[in-house]
Amino acid sequence: GTGCVKITPAHDFNDYEVGKRHALP
């Protein structure tokens, strides 16, 4: 795609791991 990915840690397992790495709410 465009190389830009939306991160939704509360609704996606991969995003959840990204969110933990960056301490995202």
PDBML (XML) file of the C-alpha atoms, coordinates in Angstrom:
<?xml version="1.0" encoding="UTF-8" ?>
<PDBx:datablock datablockName="MODEL"
   xmlns:PDBx="http://pdbml.pdb.org/schema/pdbx-v50.xsd"
   xmlns:xsi="http://www.w3.org/2001/XMLSchema-instance"
   xsi:schemaLocation="http://pdbml.pdb.org/schema/pdbx-v50.xsd pdbx-v50.xsd">
   <PDBx:atom_siteCategory>
      <PDBx:atom_site id="1">
         <PDBx:B_iso_or_equiv>0.00</PDBx:B_iso_or_equiv>
         <PDBx:Cartn_x>0.000</PDBx:Cartn_x>
         <PDBx:Cartn_y>0.000</PDBx:Cartn_y>
         <PDBx:Cartn_z>0.000</PDBx:Cartn_z>
         <PDBx:auth_asym_id>A</PDBx:auth_asym_id>
         <PDBx:auth_atom_id>CA</PDBx:auth_atom_id>
         <PDBx:auth_comp_id>GLY</PDBx:auth_comp_id>
         <PDBx:auth_seq_id>1</PDBx:auth_seq_id>
         <PDBx:group_PDB>ATOM</PDBx:group_PDB>
         <PDBx:label_alt_id xsi:nil="true" />
         <PDBx:label_asym_id>A</PDBx:label_asym_id>
         <PDBx:label_atom_id>CA</PDBx:label_atom_id>
         <PDBx:label_comp_id>GLY</PDBx:label_comp_id>
         <PDBx:label_entity_id>1</PDBx:label_entity_id>
         <PDBx:label_seq_id>1</PDBx:label_seq_id>
         <PDBx:occupancy>1.00</PDBx:occupancy>
         <PDBx:pdbx_PDB_model_num>1</PDBx:pdbx_PDB_model_num>
         <PDBx:type_symbol>C</PDBx:type_symbol>
      </PDBx:atom_site>
      <PDBx:atom_site id="2">
         <PDBx:B_iso_or_equiv>0.00</PDBx:B_iso_or_equiv>
         <PDBx:Cartn_x>1.207</PDBx:Cartn_x>
         <PDBx:Cartn_y>3.460</PDBx:Cartn_y>
         <PDBx:Cartn_z>0.934</PDBx:Cartn_z>
         <PDBx:auth_asym_id>A</PDBx:auth_asym_id>
         <PDBx:auth_atom_id>CA</PDBx:auth_atom_id>
         <PDBx:auth_comp_id>THR</PDBx:auth_comp_id>
         <PDBx:auth_seq_id>2</PDBx:auth_seq_id>
         <PDBx:group_PDB>ATOM</PDBx:group_PDB>
         <PDBx:label_alt_id xsi:nil="true" />
         <PDBx:label_asym_id>A</PDBx:label_asym_id>
         <PDBx:label_atom_id>CA</PDBx:label_atom_id>
         <PDBx:label_comp_id>THR</PDBx:label_comp_id>
         <PDBx:label_entity_id>1</PDBx:label_entity_id>
         <PDBx:label_seq_id>2</PDBx:label_seq_id>
         <PDBx:occupancy>1.00</PDBx:occupancy>
         <PDBx:pdbx_PDB_model_num>1</PDBx:pdbx_PDB_model_num>
         <PDBx:type_symbol>C</PDBx:type_symbol>
      </PDBx:atom_site>
      <PDBx:atom_site id="3">
         <PDBx:B_iso_or_equiv>0.00</PDBx:B_iso_or_equiv>
         <PDBx:Cartn_x>3.457</PDBx:Cartn_x>
         <PDBx:Cartn_y>2.270</PDBx:Cartn_y>
         <PDBx:Cartn_z>3.776</PDBx:Cartn_z>
         <PDBx:auth_asym_id>A</PDBx:auth_asym_id>
         <PDBx:auth_atom_id>CA</PDBx:auth_atom_id>
         <PDBx:auth_comp_id>GLY</PDBx:auth_comp_id>
         <PDBx:auth_seq_id>3</PDBx:auth_seq_id>
         <PDBx:group_PDB>ATOM</PDBx:group_PDB>
         <PDBx:label_alt_id xsi:nil="true" />
         <PDBx:label_asym_id>A</PDBx:label_asym_id>
         <PDBx:label_atom_id>CA</PDBx:label_atom_id>
         <PDBx:label_comp_id>GLY</PDBx:label_comp_id>
         <PDBx:label_entity_id>1</PDBx:label_entity_id>
         <PDBx:label_seq_id>3</PDBx:label_seq_id>
         <PDBx:occupancy>1.00</PDBx:occupancy>
         <PDBx:pdbx_PDB_model_num>1</PDBx:pdbx_PDB_model_num>
         <PDBx:type_symbol>C</PDBx:type_symbol>
      </PDBx:atom_site>
      <PDBx:atom_site id="4">
         <PDBx:B_iso_or_equiv>0.00</PDBx:B_iso_or_equiv>
         <PDBx:Cartn_x>1.195</PDBx:Cartn_x>
         <PDBx:Cartn_y>4.025</PDBx:Cartn_y>
         <PDBx:Cartn_z>6.330</PDBx:Cartn_z>
         <PDBx:auth_asym_id>A</PDBx:auth_asym_id>
         <PDBx:auth_atom_id>CA</PDBx:auth_atom_id>
         <PDBx:auth_comp_id>CYS</PDBx:auth_comp_id>
         <PDBx:auth_seq_id>4</PDBx:auth_seq_id>
         <PDBx:group_PDB>ATOM</PDBx:group_PDB>
         <PDBx:label_alt_id xsi:nil="true" />
         <PDBx:label_asym_id>A</PDBx:label_asym_id>
         <PDBx:label_atom_id>CA</PDBx:label_atom_id>
         <PDBx:label_comp_id>CYS</PDBx:label_comp_id>
         <PDBx:label_entity_id>1</PDBx:label_entity_id>
         <PDBx:label_seq_id>4</PDBx:label_seq_id>
         <PDBx:occupancy>1.00</PDBx:occupancy>
         <PDBx:pdbx_PDB_model_num>1</PDBx:pdbx_PDB_model_num>
         <PDBx:type_symbol>C</PDBx:type_symbol>
      </PDBx:atom_site>
      <PDBx:atom_site id="5">
         <PDBx:B_iso_or_equiv>0.00</PDBx:B_iso_or_equiv>
         <PDBx:Cartn_x>-0.807</PDBx:Cartn_x>
         <PDBx:Cartn_y>1.838</PDBx:Cartn_y>
         <PDBx:Cartn_z>8.752</PDBx:Cartn_z>
         <PDBx:auth_asym_id>A</PDBx:auth_asym_id>
         <PDBx:auth_atom_id>CA</PDBx:auth_atom_id>
         <PDBx:auth_comp_id>VAL</PDBx:auth_comp_id>
         <PDBx:auth_seq_id>5</PDBx:auth_seq_id>
         <PDBx:group_PDB>ATOM</PDBx:group_PDB>
         <PDBx:label_alt_id xsi:nil="true" />
         <PDBx:label_asym_id>A</PDBx:label_asym_id>
         <PDBx:label_atom_id>CA</PDBx:label_atom_id>
         <PDBx:label_comp_id>VAL</PDBx:label_comp_id>
         <PDBx:label_entity_id>1</PDBx:label_entity_id>
         <PDBx:label_seq_id>5</PDBx:label_seq_id>
         <PDBx:occupancy>1.00</PDBx:occupancy>
         <PDBx:pdbx_PDB_model_num>1</PDBx:pdbx_PDB_model_num>
         <PDBx:type_symbol>C</PDBx:type_symbol>
      </PDBx:atom_site>
      <PDBx:atom_site id="6">
         <PDBx:B_iso_or_equiv>0.00</PDBx:B_iso_or_equiv>
         <PDBx:Cartn_x>-3.535</PDBx:Cartn_x>
         <PDBx:Cartn_y>2.970</PDBx:Cartn_y>
         <PDBx:Cartn_z>11.145</PDBx:Cartn_z>
         <PDBx:auth_asym_id>A</PDBx:auth_asym_id>
         <PDBx:auth_atom_id>CA</PDBx:auth_atom_id>
         <PDBx:auth_comp_id>LYS</PDBx:auth_comp_id>
         <PDBx:auth_seq_id>6</PDBx:auth_seq_id>
         <PDBx:group_PDB>ATOM</PDBx:group_PDB>
         <PDBx:label_alt_id xsi:nil="true" />
         <PDBx:label_asym_id>A</PDBx:label_asym_id>
         <PDBx:label_atom_id>CA</PDBx:label_atom_id>
         <PDBx:label_comp_id>LYS</PDBx:label_comp_id>
         <PDBx:label_entity_id>1</PDBx:label_entity_id>
         <PDBx:label_seq_id>6</PDBx:label_seq_id>
         <PDBx:occupancy>1.00</PDBx:occupancy>
         <PDBx:pdbx_PDB_model_num>1</PDBx:pdbx_PDB_model_num>
         <PDBx:type_symbol>C</PDBx:type_symbol>
      </PDBx:atom_site>
      <PDBx:atom_site id="7">
         <PDBx:B_iso_or_equiv>0.00</PDBx:B_iso_or_equiv>
         <PDBx:Cartn_x>-2.966</PDBx:Cartn_x>
         <PDBx:Cartn_y>1.502</PDBx:Cartn_y>
         <PDBx:Cartn_z>14.627</PDBx:Cartn_z>
         <PDBx:auth_asym_id>A</PDBx:auth_asym_id>
         <PDBx:auth_atom_id>CA</PDBx:auth_atom_id>
         <PDBx:auth_comp_id>ILE</PDBx:auth_comp_id>
         <PDBx:auth_seq_id>7</PDBx:auth_seq_id>
         <PDBx:group_PDB>ATOM</PDBx:group_PDB>
         <PDBx:label_alt_id xsi:nil="true" />
         <PDBx:label_asym_id>A</PDBx:label_asym_id>
         <PDBx:label_atom_id>CA</PDBx:label_atom_id>
         <PDBx:label_comp_id>ILE</PDBx:label_comp_id>
         <PDBx:label_entity_id>1</PDBx:label_entity_id>
         <PDBx:label_seq_id>7</PDBx:label_seq_id>
         <PDBx:occupancy>1.00</PDBx:occupancy>
         <PDBx:pdbx_PDB_model_num>1</PDBx:pdbx_PDB_model_num>
         <PDBx:type_symbol>C</PDBx:type_symbol>
      </PDBx:atom_site>
      <PDBx:atom_site id="8">
         <PDBx:B_iso_or_equiv>0.00</PDBx:B_iso_or_equiv>
         <PDBx:Cartn_x>-6.028</PDBx:Cartn_x>
         <PDBx:Cartn_y>0.479</PDBx:Cartn_y>
         <PDBx:Cartn_z>16.664</PDBx:Cartn_z>
         <PDBx:auth_asym_id>A</PDBx:auth_asym_id>
         <PDBx:auth_atom_id>CA</PDBx:auth_atom_id>
         <PDBx:auth_comp_id>THR</PDBx:auth_comp_id>
         <PDBx:auth_seq_id>8</PDBx:auth_seq_id>
         <PDBx:group_PDB>ATOM</PDBx:group_PDB>
         <PDBx:label_alt_id xsi:nil="true" />
         <PDBx:label_asym_id>A</PDBx:label_asym_id>
         <PDBx:label_atom_id>CA</PDBx:label_atom_id>
         <PDBx:label_comp_id>THR</PDBx:label_comp_id>
         <PDBx:label_entity_id>1</PDBx:label_entity_id>
         <PDBx:label_seq_id>8</PDBx:label_seq_id>
         <PDBx:occupancy>1.00</PDBx:occupancy>
         <PDBx:pdbx_PDB_model_num>1</PDBx:pdbx_PDB_model_num>
         <PDBx:type_symbol>C</PDBx:type_symbol>
      </PDBx:atom_site>
      <PDBx:atom_site id="9">
         <PDBx:B_iso_or_equiv>0.00</PDBx:B_iso_or_equiv>
         <PDBx:Cartn_x>-4.662</PDBx:Cartn_x>
         <PDBx:Cartn_y>-1.421</PDBx:Cartn_y>
         <PDBx:Cartn_z>19.698</PDBx:Cartn_z>
         <PDBx:auth_asym_id>A</PDBx:auth_asym_id>
         <PDBx:auth_atom_id>CA</PDBx:auth_atom_id>
         <PDBx:auth_comp_id>PRO</PDBx:auth_comp_id>
         <PDBx:auth_seq_id>9</PDBx:auth_seq_id>
         <PDBx:group_PDB>ATOM</PDBx:group_PDB>
         <PDBx:label_alt_id xsi:nil="true" />
         <PDBx:label_asym_id>A</PDBx:label_asym_id>
         <PDBx:label_atom_id>CA</PDBx:label_atom_id>
         <PDBx:label_comp_id>PRO</PDBx:label_comp_id>
         <PDBx:label_entity_id>1</PDBx:label_entity_id>
         <PDBx:label_seq_id>9</PDBx:label_seq_id>
         <PDBx:occupancy>1.00</PDBx:occupancy>
         <PDBx:pdbx_PDB_model_num>1</PDBx:pdbx_PDB_model_num>
         <PDBx:type_symbol>C</PDBx:type_symbol>
      </PDBx:atom_site>
      <PDBx:atom_site id="10">
         <PDBx:B_iso_or_equiv>0.00</PDBx:B_iso_or_equiv>
         <PDBx:Cartn_x>-8.077</PDBx:Cartn_x>
         <PDBx:Cartn_y>-2.135</PDBx:Cartn_y>
         <PDBx:Cartn_z>21.241</PDBx:Cartn_z>
         <PDBx:auth_asym_id>A</PDBx:auth_asym_id>
         <PDBx:auth_atom_id>CA</PDBx:auth_atom_id>
         <PDBx:auth_comp_id>ALA</PDBx:auth_comp_id>
         <PDBx:auth_seq_id>10</PDBx:auth_seq_id>
         <PDBx:group_PDB>ATOM</PDBx:group_PDB>
         <PDBx:label_alt_id xsi:nil="true" />
         <PDBx:label_asym_id>A</PDBx:label_asym_id>
         <PDBx:label_atom_id>CA</PDBx:label_atom_id>
         <PDBx:label_comp_id>ALA</PDBx:label_comp_id>
         <PDBx:label_entity_id>1</PDBx:label_entity_id>
         <PDBx:label_seq_id>10</PDBx:label_seq_id>
         <PDBx:occupancy>1.00</PDBx:occupancy>
         <PDBx:pdbx_PDB_model_num>1</PDBx:pdbx_PDB_model_num>
         <PDBx:type_symbol>C</PDBx:type_symbol>
      </PDBx:atom_site>
      <PDBx:atom_site id="11">
         <PDBx:B_iso_or_equiv>0.00</PDBx:B_iso_or_equiv>
         <PDBx:Cartn_x>-9.457</PDBx:Cartn_x>
         <PDBx:Cartn_y>-3.897</PDBx:Cartn_y>
         <PDBx:Cartn_z>18.137</PDBx:Cartn_z>
         <PDBx:auth_asym_id>A</PDBx:auth_asym_id>
         <PDBx:auth_atom_id>CA</PDBx:auth_atom_id>
         <PDBx:auth_comp_id>HIS</PDBx:auth_comp_id>
         <PDBx:auth_seq_id>11</PDBx:auth_seq_id>
         <PDBx:group_PDB>ATOM</PDBx:group_PDB>
         <PDBx:label_alt_id xsi:nil="true" />
         <PDBx:label_asym_id>A</PDBx:label_asym_id>
         <PDBx:label_atom_id>CA</PDBx:label_atom_id>
         <PDBx:label_comp_id>HIS</PDBx:label_comp_id>
         <PDBx:label_entity_id>1</PDBx:label_entity_id>
         <PDBx:label_seq_id>11</PDBx:label_seq_id>
         <PDBx:occupancy>1.00</PDBx:occupancy>
         <PDBx:pdbx_PDB_model_num>1</PDBx:pdbx_PDB_model_num>
         <PDBx:type_symbol>C</PDBx:type_symbol>
      </PDBx:atom_site>
      <PDBx:atom_site id="12">
         <PDBx:B_iso_or_equiv>0.00</PDBx:B_iso_or_equiv>
         <PDBx:Cartn_x>-6.595</PDBx:Cartn_x>
         <PDBx:Cartn_y>-5.684</PDBx:Cartn_y>
         <PDBx:Cartn_z>16.369</PDBx:Cartn_z>
         <PDBx:auth_asym_id>A</PDBx:auth_asym_id>
         <PDBx:auth_atom_id>CA</PDBx:auth_atom_id>
         <PDBx:auth_comp_id>ASP</PDBx:auth_comp_id>
         <PDBx:auth_seq_id>12</PDBx:auth_seq_id>
         <PDBx:group_PDB>ATOM</PDBx:group_PDB>
         <PDBx:label_alt_id xsi:nil="true" />
         <PDBx:label_asym_id>A</PDBx:label_asym_id>
         <PDBx:label_atom_id>CA</PDBx:label_atom_id>
         <PDBx:label_comp_id>ASP</PDBx:label_comp_id>
         <PDBx:label_entity_id>1</PDBx:label_entity_id>
         <PDBx:label_seq_id>12</PDBx:label_seq_id>
         <PDBx:occupancy>1.00</PDBx:occupancy>
         <PDBx:pdbx_PDB_model_num>1</PDBx:pdbx_PDB_model_num>
         <PDBx:type_symbol>C</PDBx:type_symbol>
      </PDBx:atom_site>
      <PDBx:atom_site id="13">
         <PDBx:B_iso_or_equiv>0.00</PDBx:B_iso_or_equiv>
         <PDBx:Cartn_x>-4.084</PDBx:Cartn_x>
         <PDBx:Cartn_y>-8.216</PDBx:Cartn_y>
         <PDBx:Cartn_z>17.723</PDBx:Cartn_z>
         <PDBx:auth_asym_id>A</PDBx:auth_asym_id>
         <PDBx:auth_atom_id>CA</PDBx:auth_atom_id>
         <PDBx:auth_comp_id>PHE</PDBx:auth_comp_id>
         <PDBx:auth_seq_id>13</PDBx:auth_seq_id>
         <PDBx:group_PDB>ATOM</PDBx:group_PDB>
         <PDBx:label_alt_id xsi:nil="true" />
         <PDBx:label_asym_id>A</PDBx:label_asym_id>
         <PDBx:label_atom_id>CA</PDBx:label_atom_id>
         <PDBx:label_comp_id>PHE</PDBx:label_comp_id>
         <PDBx:label_entity_id>1</PDBx:label_entity_id>
         <PDBx:label_seq_id>13</PDBx:label_seq_id>
         <PDBx:occupancy>1.00</PDBx:occupancy>
         <PDBx:pdbx_PDB_model_num>1</PDBx:pdbx_PDB_model_num>
         <PDBx:type_symbol>C</PDBx:type_symbol>
      </PDBx:atom_site>
      <PDBx:atom_site id="14">
         <PDBx:B_iso_or_equiv>0.00</PDBx:B_iso_or_equiv>
         <PDBx:Cartn_x>-1.130</PDBx:Cartn_x>
         <PDBx:Cartn_y>-6.947</PDBx:Cartn_y>
         <PDBx:Cartn_z>15.679</PDBx:Cartn_z>
         <PDBx:auth_asym_id>A</PDBx:auth_asym_id>
         <PDBx:auth_atom_id>CA</PDBx:auth_atom_id>
         <PDBx:auth_comp_id>ASN</PDBx:auth_comp_id>
         <PDBx:auth_seq_id>14</PDBx:auth_seq_id>
         <PDBx:group_PDB>ATOM</PDBx:group_PDB>
         <PDBx:label_alt_id xsi:nil="true" />
         <PDBx:label_asym_id>A</PDBx:label_asym_id>
         <PDBx:label_atom_id>CA</PDBx:label_atom_id>
         <PDBx:label_comp_id>ASN</PDBx:label_comp_id>
         <PDBx:label_entity_id>1</PDBx:label_entity_id>
         <PDBx:label_seq_id>14</PDBx:label_seq_id>
         <PDBx:occupancy>1.00</PDBx:occupancy>
         <PDBx:pdbx_PDB_model_num>1</PDBx:pdbx_PDB_model_num>
         <PDBx:type_symbol>C</PDBx:type_symbol>
      </PDBx:atom_site>
      <PDBx:atom_site id="15">
         <PDBx:B_iso_or_equiv>0.00</PDBx:B_iso_or_equiv>
         <PDBx:Cartn_x>-1.955</PDBx:Cartn_x>
         <PDBx:Cartn_y>-3.333</PDBx:Cartn_y>
         <PDBx:Cartn_z>16.531</PDBx:Cartn_z>
         <PDBx:auth_asym_id>A</PDBx:auth_asym_id>
         <PDBx:auth_atom_id>CA</PDBx:auth_atom_id>
         <PDBx:auth_comp_id>ASP</PDBx:auth_comp_id>
         <PDBx:auth_seq_id>15</PDBx:auth_seq_id>
         <PDBx:group_PDB>ATOM</PDBx:group_PDB>
         <PDBx:label_alt_id xsi:nil="true" />
         <PDBx:label_asym_id>A</PDBx:label_asym_id>
         <PDBx:label_atom_id>CA</PDBx:label_atom_id>
         <PDBx:label_comp_id>ASP</PDBx:label_comp_id>
         <PDBx:label_entity_id>1</PDBx:label_entity_id>
         <PDBx:label_seq_id>15</PDBx:label_seq_id>
         <PDBx:occupancy>1.00</PDBx:occupancy>
         <PDBx:pdbx_PDB_model_num>1</PDBx:pdbx_PDB_model_num>
         <PDBx:type_symbol>C</PDBx:type_symbol>
      </PDBx:atom_site>
      <PDBx:atom_site id="16">
         <PDBx:B_iso_or_equiv>0.00</PDBx:B_iso_or_equiv>
         <PDBx:Cartn_x>-2.188</PDBx:Cartn_x>
         <PDBx:Cartn_y>-4.358</PDBx:Cartn_y>
         <PDBx:Cartn_z>20.197</PDBx:Cartn_z>
         <PDBx:auth_asym_id>A</PDBx:auth_asym_id>
         <PDBx:auth_atom_id>CA</PDBx:auth_atom_id>
         <PDBx:auth_comp_id>TYR</PDBx:auth_comp_id>
         <PDBx:auth_seq_id>16</PDBx:auth_seq_id>
         <PDBx:group_PDB>ATOM</PDBx:group_PDB>
         <PDBx:label_alt_id xsi:nil="true" />
         <PDBx:label_asym_id>A</PDBx:label_asym_id>
         <PDBx:label_atom_id>CA</PDBx:label_atom_id>
         <PDBx:label_comp_id>TYR</PDBx:label_comp_id>
         <PDBx:label_entity_id>1</PDBx:label_entity_id>
         <PDBx:label_seq_id>16</PDBx:label_seq_id>
         <PDBx:occupancy>1.00</PDBx:occupancy>
         <PDBx:pdbx_PDB_model_num>1</PDBx:pdbx_PDB_model_num>
         <PDBx:type_symbol>C</PDBx:type_symbol>
      </PDBx:atom_site>
      <PDBx:atom_site id="17">
         <PDBx:B_iso_or_equiv>0.00</PDBx:B_iso_or_equiv>
         <PDBx:Cartn_x>1.481</PDBx:Cartn_x>
         <PDBx:Cartn_y>-5.398</PDBx:Cartn_y>
         <PDBx:Cartn_z>20.124</PDBx:Cartn_z>
         <PDBx:auth_asym_id>A</PDBx:auth_asym_id>
         <PDBx:auth_atom_id>CA</PDBx:auth_atom_id>
         <PDBx:auth_comp_id>GLU</PDBx:auth_comp_id>
         <PDBx:auth_seq_id>17</PDBx:auth_seq_id>
         <PDBx:group_PDB>ATOM</PDBx:group_PDB>
         <PDBx:label_alt_id xsi:nil="true" />
         <PDBx:label_asym_id>A</PDBx:label_asym_id>
         <PDBx:label_atom_id>CA</PDBx:label_atom_id>
         <PDBx:label_comp_id>GLU</PDBx:label_comp_id>
         <PDBx:label_entity_id>1</PDBx:label_entity_id>
         <PDBx:label_seq_id>17</PDBx:label_seq_id>
         <PDBx:occupancy>1.00</PDBx:occupancy>
         <PDBx:pdbx_PDB_model_num>1</PDBx:pdbx_PDB_model_num>
         <PDBx:type_symbol>C</PDBx:type_symbol>
      </PDBx:atom_site>
      <PDBx:atom_site id="18">
         <PDBx:B_iso_or_equiv>0.00</PDBx:B_iso_or_equiv>
         <PDBx:Cartn_x>2.472</PDBx:Cartn_x>
         <PDBx:Cartn_y>-2.167</PDBx:Cartn_y>
         <PDBx:Cartn_z>18.338</PDBx:Cartn_z>
         <PDBx:auth_asym_id>A</PDBx:auth_asym_id>
         <PDBx:auth_atom_id>CA</PDBx:auth_atom_id>
         <PDBx:auth_comp_id>VAL</PDBx:auth_comp_id>
         <PDBx:auth_seq_id>18</PDBx:auth_seq_id>
         <PDBx:group_PDB>ATOM</PDBx:group_PDB>
         <PDBx:label_alt_id xsi:nil="true" />
         <PDBx:label_asym_id>A</PDBx:label_asym_id>
         <PDBx:label_atom_id>CA</PDBx:label_atom_id>
         <PDBx:label_comp_id>VAL</PDBx:label_comp_id>
         <PDBx:label_entity_id>1</PDBx:label_entity_id>
         <PDBx:label_seq_id>18</PDBx:label_seq_id>
         <PDBx:occupancy>1.00</PDBx:occupancy>
         <PDBx:pdbx_PDB_model_num>1</PDBx:pdbx_PDB_model_num>
         <PDBx:type_symbol>C</PDBx:type_symbol>
      </PDBx:atom_site>
      <PDBx:atom_site id="19">
         <PDBx:B_iso_or_equiv>0.00</PDBx:B_iso_or_equiv>
         <PDBx:Cartn_x>0.521</PDBx:Cartn_x>
         <PDBx:Cartn_y>-0.191</PDBx:Cartn_y>
         <PDBx:Cartn_z>20.923</PDBx:Cartn_z>
         <PDBx:auth_asym_id>A</PDBx:auth_asym_id>
         <PDBx:auth_atom_id>CA</PDBx:auth_atom_id>
         <PDBx:auth_comp_id>GLY</PDBx:auth_comp_id>
         <PDBx:auth_seq_id>19</PDBx:auth_seq_id>
         <PDBx:group_PDB>ATOM</PDBx:group_PDB>
         <PDBx:label_alt_id xsi:nil="true" />
         <PDBx:label_asym_id>A</PDBx:label_asym_id>
         <PDBx:label_atom_id>CA</PDBx:label_atom_id>
         <PDBx:label_comp_id>GLY</PDBx:label_comp_id>
         <PDBx:label_entity_id>1</PDBx:label_entity_id>
         <PDBx:label_seq_id>19</PDBx:label_seq_id>
         <PDBx:occupancy>1.00</PDBx:occupancy>
         <PDBx:pdbx_PDB_model_num>1</PDBx:pdbx_PDB_model_num>
         <PDBx:type_symbol>C</PDBx:type_symbol>
      </PDBx:atom_site>
      <PDBx:atom_site id="20">
         <PDBx:B_iso_or_equiv>0.00</PDBx:B_iso_or_equiv>
         <PDBx:Cartn_x>2.382</PDBx:Cartn_x>
         <PDBx:Cartn_y>-1.902</PDBx:Cartn_y>
         <PDBx:Cartn_z>23.774</PDBx:Cartn_z>
         <PDBx:auth_asym_id>A</PDBx:auth_asym_id>
         <PDBx:auth_atom_id>CA</PDBx:auth_atom_id>
         <PDBx:auth_comp_id>LYS</PDBx:auth_comp_id>
         <PDBx:auth_seq_id>20</PDBx:auth_seq_id>
         <PDBx:group_PDB>ATOM</PDBx:group_PDB>
         <PDBx:label_alt_id xsi:nil="true" />
         <PDBx:label_asym_id>A</PDBx:label_asym_id>
         <PDBx:label_atom_id>CA</PDBx:label_atom_id>
         <PDBx:label_comp_id>LYS</PDBx:label_comp_id>
         <PDBx:label_entity_id>1</PDBx:label_entity_id>
         <PDBx:label_seq_id>20</PDBx:label_seq_id>
         <PDBx:occupancy>1.00</PDBx:occupancy>
         <PDBx:pdbx_PDB_model_num>1</PDBx:pdbx_PDB_model_num>
         <PDBx:type_symbol>C</PDBx:type_symbol>
      </PDBx:atom_site>
      <PDBx:atom_site id="21">
         <PDBx:B_iso_or_equiv>0.00</PDBx:B_iso_or_equiv>
         <PDBx:Cartn_x>5.751</PDBx:Cartn_x>
         <PDBx:Cartn_y>-1.109</PDBx:Cartn_y>
         <PDBx:Cartn_z>22.176</PDBx:Cartn_z>
         <PDBx:auth_asym_id>A</PDBx:auth_asym_id>
         <PDBx:auth_atom_id>CA</PDBx:auth_atom_id>
         <PDBx:auth_comp_id>ARG</PDBx:auth_comp_id>
         <PDBx:auth_seq_id>21</PDBx:auth_seq_id>
         <PDBx:group_PDB>ATOM</PDBx:group_PDB>
         <PDBx:label_alt_id xsi:nil="true" />
         <PDBx:label_asym_id>A</PDBx:label_asym_id>
         <PDBx:label_atom_id>CA</PDBx:label_atom_id>
         <PDBx:label_comp_id>ARG</PDBx:label_comp_id>
         <PDBx:label_entity_id>1</PDBx:label_entity_id>
         <PDBx:label_seq_id>21</PDBx:label_seq_id>
         <PDBx:occupancy>1.00</PDBx:occupancy>
         <PDBx:pdbx_PDB_model_num>1</PDBx:pdbx_PDB_model_num>
         <PDBx:type_symbol>C</PDBx:type_symbol>
      </PDBx:atom_site>
      <PDBx:atom_site id="22">
         <PDBx:B_iso_or_equiv>0.00</PDBx:B_iso_or_equiv>
         <PDBx:Cartn_x>4.907</PDBx:Cartn_x>
         <PDBx:Cartn_y>2.593</PDBx:Cartn_y>
         <PDBx:Cartn_z>21.930</PDBx:Cartn_z>
         <PDBx:auth_asym_id>A</PDBx:auth_asym_id>
         <PDBx:auth_atom_id>CA</PDBx:auth_atom_id>
         <PDBx:auth_comp_id>HIS</PDBx:auth_comp_id>
         <PDBx:auth_seq_id>22</PDBx:auth_seq_id>
         <PDBx:group_PDB>ATOM</PDBx:group_PDB>
         <PDBx:label_alt_id xsi:nil="true" />
         <PDBx:label_asym_id>A</PDBx:label_asym_id>
         <PDBx:label_atom_id>CA</PDBx:label_atom_id>
         <PDBx:label_comp_id>HIS</PDBx:label_comp_id>
         <PDBx:label_entity_id>1</PDBx:label_entity_id>
         <PDBx:label_seq_id>22</PDBx:label_seq_id>
         <PDBx:occupancy>1.00</PDBx:occupancy>
         <PDBx:pdbx_PDB_model_num>1</PDBx:pdbx_PDB_model_num>
         <PDBx:type_symbol>C</PDBx:type_symbol>
      </PDBx:atom_site>
      <PDBx:atom_site id="23">
         <PDBx:B_iso_or_equiv>0.00</PDBx:B_iso_or_equiv>
         <PDBx:Cartn_x>2.861</PDBx:Cartn_x>
         <PDBx:Cartn_y>2.896</PDBx:Cartn_y>
         <PDBx:Cartn_z>25.153</PDBx:Cartn_z>
         <PDBx:auth_asym_id>A</PDBx:auth_asym_id>
         <PDBx:auth_atom_id>CA</PDBx:auth_atom_id>
         <PDBx:auth_comp_id>ALA</PDBx:auth_comp_id>
         <PDBx:auth_seq_id>23</PDBx:auth_seq_id>
         <PDBx:group_PDB>ATOM</PDBx:group_PDB>
         <PDBx:label_alt_id xsi:nil="true" />
         <PDBx:label_asym_id>A</PDBx:label_asym_id>
         <PDBx:label_atom_id>CA</PDBx:label_atom_id>
         <PDBx:label_comp_id>ALA</PDBx:label_comp_id>
         <PDBx:label_entity_id>1</PDBx:label_entity_id>
         <PDBx:label_seq_id>23</PDBx:label_seq_id>
         <PDBx:occupancy>1.00</PDBx:occupancy>
         <PDBx:pdbx_PDB_model_num>1</PDBx:pdbx_PDB_model_num>
         <PDBx:type_symbol>C</PDBx:type_symbol>
      </PDBx:atom_site>
      <PDBx:atom_site id="24">
         <PDBx:B_iso_or_equiv>0.00</PDBx:B_iso_or_equiv>
         <PDBx:Cartn_x>-0.174</PDBx:Cartn_x>
         <PDBx:Cartn_y>4.077</PDBx:Cartn_y>
         <PDBx:Cartn_z>23.182</PDBx:Cartn_z>
         <PDBx:auth_asym_id>A</PDBx:auth_asym_id>
         <PDBx:auth_atom_id>CA</PDBx:auth_atom_id>
         <PDBx:auth_comp_id>LEU</PDBx:auth_comp_id>
         <PDBx:auth_seq_id>24</PDBx:auth_seq_id>
         <PDBx:group_PDB>ATOM</PDBx:group_PDB>
         <PDBx:label_alt_id xsi:nil="true" />
         <PDBx:label_asym_id>A</PDBx:label_asym_id>
         <PDBx:label_atom_id>CA</PDBx:label_atom_id>
         <PDBx:label_comp_id>LEU</PDBx:label_comp_id>
         <PDBx:label_entity_id>1</PDBx:label_entity_id>
         <PDBx:label_seq_id>24</PDBx:label_seq_id>
         <PDBx:occupancy>1.00</PDBx:occupancy>
         <PDBx:pdbx_PDB_model_num>1</PDBx:pdbx_PDB_model_num>
         <PDBx:type_symbol>C</PDBx:type_symbol>
      </PDBx:atom_site>
      <PDBx:atom_site id="25">
         <PDBx:B_iso_or_equiv>0.00</PDBx:B_iso_or_equiv>
         <PDBx:Cartn_x>-3.540</PDBx:Cartn_x>
         <PDBx:Cartn_y>4.503</PDBx:Cartn_y>
         <PDBx:Cartn_z>24.897</PDBx:Cartn_z>
         <PDBx:auth_asym_id>A</PDBx:auth_asym_id>
         <PDBx:auth_atom_id>CA</PDBx:auth_atom_id>
         <PDBx:auth_comp_id>PRO</PDBx:auth_comp_id>
         <PDBx:auth_seq_id>25</PDBx:auth_seq_id>
         <PDBx:group_PDB>ATOM</PDBx:group_PDB>
         <PDBx:label_alt_id xsi:nil="true" />
         <PDBx:label_asym_id>A</PDBx:label_asym_id>
         <PDBx:label_atom_id>CA</PDBx:label_atom_id>
         <PDBx:label_comp_id>PRO</PDBx:label_comp_id>
         <PDBx:label_entity_id>1</PDBx:label_entity_id>
         <PDBx:label_seq_id>25</PDBx:label_seq_id>
         <PDBx:occupancy>1.00</PDBx:occupancy>
         <PDBx:pdbx_PDB_model_num>1</PDBx:pdbx_PDB_model_num>
         <PDBx:type_symbol>C</PDBx:type_symbol>
      </PDBx:atom_site>
   </PDBx:atom_siteCategory>
</PDBx:datablock>
